[in-house]
Amino acid sequence: MSGKEASDEKLIVRNRRAGFEYELGERFEAGLVLIGSEVKMLRDGKADLSDAWCTITNGEAFLHGMLIPEMPGAAFGHVAKRTRKLLLHDTEIDQIRKAVEREGMTVAATRLYFKKGRAKVELALAKGKKQADKRETVKQREAEREARAAMGRGRRGE
């Protein structure tokens, strides 16, 4: 991948909570059907994916629970938490539908970004973690943080 291609993505928001609440599996990139005021708010970096999930209905994918706040001062804006249609290939929709039906998985939104000027959302097949798994995740994170701190102290000669 050339340097220009890597810089084509502009991250808007990341759903960090999804990684804590779920074990994330296969990922998919989907386009979003948006209206003008929603795109303007996304360009300002205003969105929330913490409660976002995807459903498949009649062979179409929809994103629920994503918050794009209304534009301040706009006379005719948009509904902040409406259901938005996702643009996916039929094969991807079938893969997601089968995983949800057979394996009882959820589809969580993990990232929202612009790619070549178009709004995209990254979806991940997700399986809910048990409370013990969440504790283990916290322990691993703390251990990594302590290791980095120890390495930093070692470099400074403390």
Protein backbone atom coordinates (compact mmCIF):
# COMPACT_ATOMS: atom_id res chain seq x y z
CA MET A 1 0.00 0.00 0.00
CA SER A 2 1.43 3.36 -0.95
CA GLY A 3 1.58 6.29 1.47
CA LYS A 4 -1.24 8.11 -0.32
CA GLU A 5 -3.64 5.15 0.04
CA ALA A 6 -2.95 4.87 3.76
CA SER A 7 -3.75 8.57 4.28
CA ASP A 8 -7.07 8.27 2.36
CA GLU A 9 -8.76 7.13 5.59
CA LYS A 10 -9.80 9.80 8.09
CA LEU A 11 -11.00 8.31 11.37
CA ILE A 12 -14.10 9.99 12.79
CA VAL A 13 -14.83 7.84 15.83
CA ARG A 14 -13.80 4.46 17.25
CA ASN A 15 -16.03 2.23 19.40
CA ARG A 16 -13.58 1.19 22.11
CA ARG A 17 -16.37 -0.23 24.22
CA ALA A 18 -17.10 -2.94 21.63
CA GLY A 19 -13.66 -4.48 22.17
CA PHE A 20 -14.30 -4.64 25.90
CA GLU A 21 -17.88 -5.96 25.73
CA TYR A 22 -17.39 -8.48 22.89
CA GLU A 23 -14.88 -10.86 21.37
CA LEU A 24 -14.56 -9.38 17.90
CA GLY A 25 -14.26 -11.67 14.89
CA GLU A 26 -14.45 -11.12 11.14
CA ARG A 27 -14.72 -7.49 10.03
CA PHE A 28 -16.62 -5.90 7.16
CA GLU A 29 -16.51 -2.44 5.60
CA ALA A 30 -19.88 -0.91 4.76
CA GLY A 31 -20.97 2.35 3.21
CA LEU A 32 -23.66 4.47 4.86
CA VAL A 33 -26.74 6.09 3.34
CA LEU A 34 -26.71 9.59 4.88
CA ILE A 35 -28.29 12.98 4.30
CA GLY A 36 -26.38 16.26 3.95
CA SER A 37 -26.58 17.50 7.53
CA GLU A 38 -25.36 14.12 8.81
CA VAL A 39 -22.31 14.28 6.56
CA LYS A 40 -21.53 17.80 7.82
CA MET A 41 -21.66 16.64 11.43
CA LEU A 42 -19.42 13.66 10.63
CA ARG A 43 -16.89 15.97 8.99
CA ASP A 44 -16.87 17.91 12.28
CA GLY A 45 -16.07 14.61 14.04
CA LYS A 46 -19.34 14.41 15.91
CA ALA A 47 -20.78 10.88 16.22
CA ASP A 48 -21.23 8.14 18.80
CA LEU A 49 -20.97 4.41 18.04
CA SER A 50 -21.07 3.10 21.61
CA ASP A 51 -24.59 1.63 21.23
CA ALA A 52 -24.48 0.86 17.49
CA TRP A 53 -25.39 -2.55 16.09
CA CYS A 54 -26.47 -3.99 12.74
CA THR A 55 -29.49 -6.04 11.69
CA ILE A 56 -30.35 -7.82 8.45
CA THR A 57 -33.95 -7.35 7.25
CA ASN A 58 -35.24 -8.59 3.87
CA GLY A 59 -31.71 -8.96 2.50
CA GLU A 60 -30.71 -5.42 3.51
CA ALA A 61 -28.42 -4.31 6.34
CA PHE A 62 -29.37 -1.51 8.74
CA LEU A 63 -27.37 0.26 11.45
CA HIS A 64 -29.25 1.00 14.67
CA GLY A 65 -28.25 3.10 17.66
CA MET A 66 -25.60 5.30 16.02
CA LEU A 67 -25.91 8.89 17.23
CA ILE A 68 -25.12 11.78 14.89
CA PRO A 69 -26.19 14.93 16.76
CA GLU A 70 -28.37 17.50 15.03
CA MET A 71 -26.69 20.57 13.60
CA PRO A 72 -26.94 23.53 15.95
CA GLY A 73 -28.97 26.35 14.43
CA ALA A 74 -30.26 24.28 11.51
CA ALA A 75 -33.93 24.80 10.71
CA PHE A 76 -34.30 21.47 8.90
CA GLY A 77 -31.85 18.93 10.23
CA HIS A 78 -32.01 15.20 10.69
CA VAL A 79 -33.15 12.78 13.38
CA ALA A 80 -30.13 12.16 15.63
CA LYS A 81 -30.62 8.44 16.31
CA ARG A 82 -32.39 7.11 13.24
CA THR A 83 -31.88 3.72 11.57
CA ARG A 84 -29.45 4.06 8.66
CA LYS A 85 -29.14 1.74 5.68
CA LEU A 86 -25.77 0.07 5.10
CA LEU A 87 -24.27 -0.60 1.69
CA LEU A 88 -22.83 -4.13 1.58
CA HIS A 89 -22.43 -6.77 -1.11
CA ASP A 90 -25.02 -9.57 -1.12
CA THR A 91 -22.35 -12.16 -0.24
CA GLU A 92 -21.31 -10.12 2.81
CA ILE A 93 -24.93 -9.75 3.91
CA ASP A 94 -25.37 -13.54 3.60
CA GLN A 95 -22.20 -14.17 5.64
CA ILE A 96 -23.40 -11.85 8.40
CA ARG A 97 -26.94 -13.28 8.39
CA LYS A 98 -25.65 -16.87 8.67
CA ALA A 99 -23.27 -16.00 11.51
CA VAL A 100 -26.05 -14.28 13.44
CA GLU A 101 -28.57 -17.10 12.88
CA ARG A 102 -26.29 -20.13 13.39
CA GLU A 103 -23.76 -18.98 15.93
CA GLY A 104 -25.84 -16.43 17.84
CA MET A 105 -23.40 -13.63 17.12
CA THR A 106 -24.04 -9.89 17.15
CA VAL A 107 -22.81 -7.37 14.60
CA ALA A 108 -21.18 -4.39 16.33
CA ALA A 109 -19.96 -1.17 14.71
CA THR A 110 -16.28 -0.67 15.61
CA ARG A 111 -15.09 2.35 13.58
CA LEU A 112 -16.55 5.20 11.57
CA TYR A 113 -14.30 6.90 9.02
CA PHE A 114 -14.09 8.64 5.66
CA LYS A 115 -12.40 6.74 2.84
CA LYS A 116 -11.86 8.67 -0.38
CA GLY A 117 -14.48 11.17 0.77
CA ARG A 118 -17.16 8.58 1.52
CA ALA A 119 -18.43 7.72 5.00
CA LYS A 120 -17.72 4.10 5.93
CA VAL A 121 -18.41 2.03 9.01
CA GLU A 122 -16.43 -1.03 10.06
CA LEU A 123 -18.63 -3.84 11.35
CA ALA A 124 -17.36 -6.83 13.32
CA LEU A 125 -19.01 -10.14 14.08
CA ALA A 126 -19.05 -10.20 17.87
CA LYS A 127 -19.71 -12.70 20.62
CA GLY A 128 -20.55 -11.38 24.09
CA LYS A 129 -17.88 -11.76 26.78
CA LYS A 130 -18.61 -13.16 30.22
CA GLN A 131 -17.79 -11.05 33.28
CA ALA A 132 -14.64 -13.12 33.95
CA ASP A 133 -13.42 -12.49 30.40
CA LYS A 134 -13.91 -8.75 30.89
CA ARG A 135 -11.85 -8.91 34.10
CA GLU A 136 -9.12 -10.78 32.22
CA THR A 137 -9.08 -8.04 29.56
CA VAL A 138 -8.61 -5.40 32.28
CA LYS A 139 -5.77 -7.42 33.87
CA GLN A 140 -3.98 -7.76 30.52
CA ARG A 141 -4.33 -4.04 29.85
CA GLU A 142 -2.91 -3.16 33.29
CA ALA A 143 0.00 -5.60 32.85
CA GLU A 144 0.88 -4.05 29.49
CA ARG A 145 0.70 -0.55 31.00
CA GLU A 146 3.01 -1.56 33.88
CA ALA A 147 5.47 -3.17 31.45
CA ARG A 148 5.61 0.00 29.34
CA ALA A 149 6.14 2.08 32.49
CA ALA A 150 8.97 -0.21 33.63
CA MET A 151 10.61 0.03 30.21
CA GLY A 152 10.37 3.82 30.40
CA ARG A 153 11.96 3.86 33.87
CA GLY A 154 14.73 1.58 32.59
CA ARG A 155 15.57 3.96 29.76
CA ARG A 156 15.69 6.95 32.08
CA GLY A 157 17.96 5.09 34.51
CA GLU A 158 15.64 5.25 37.52
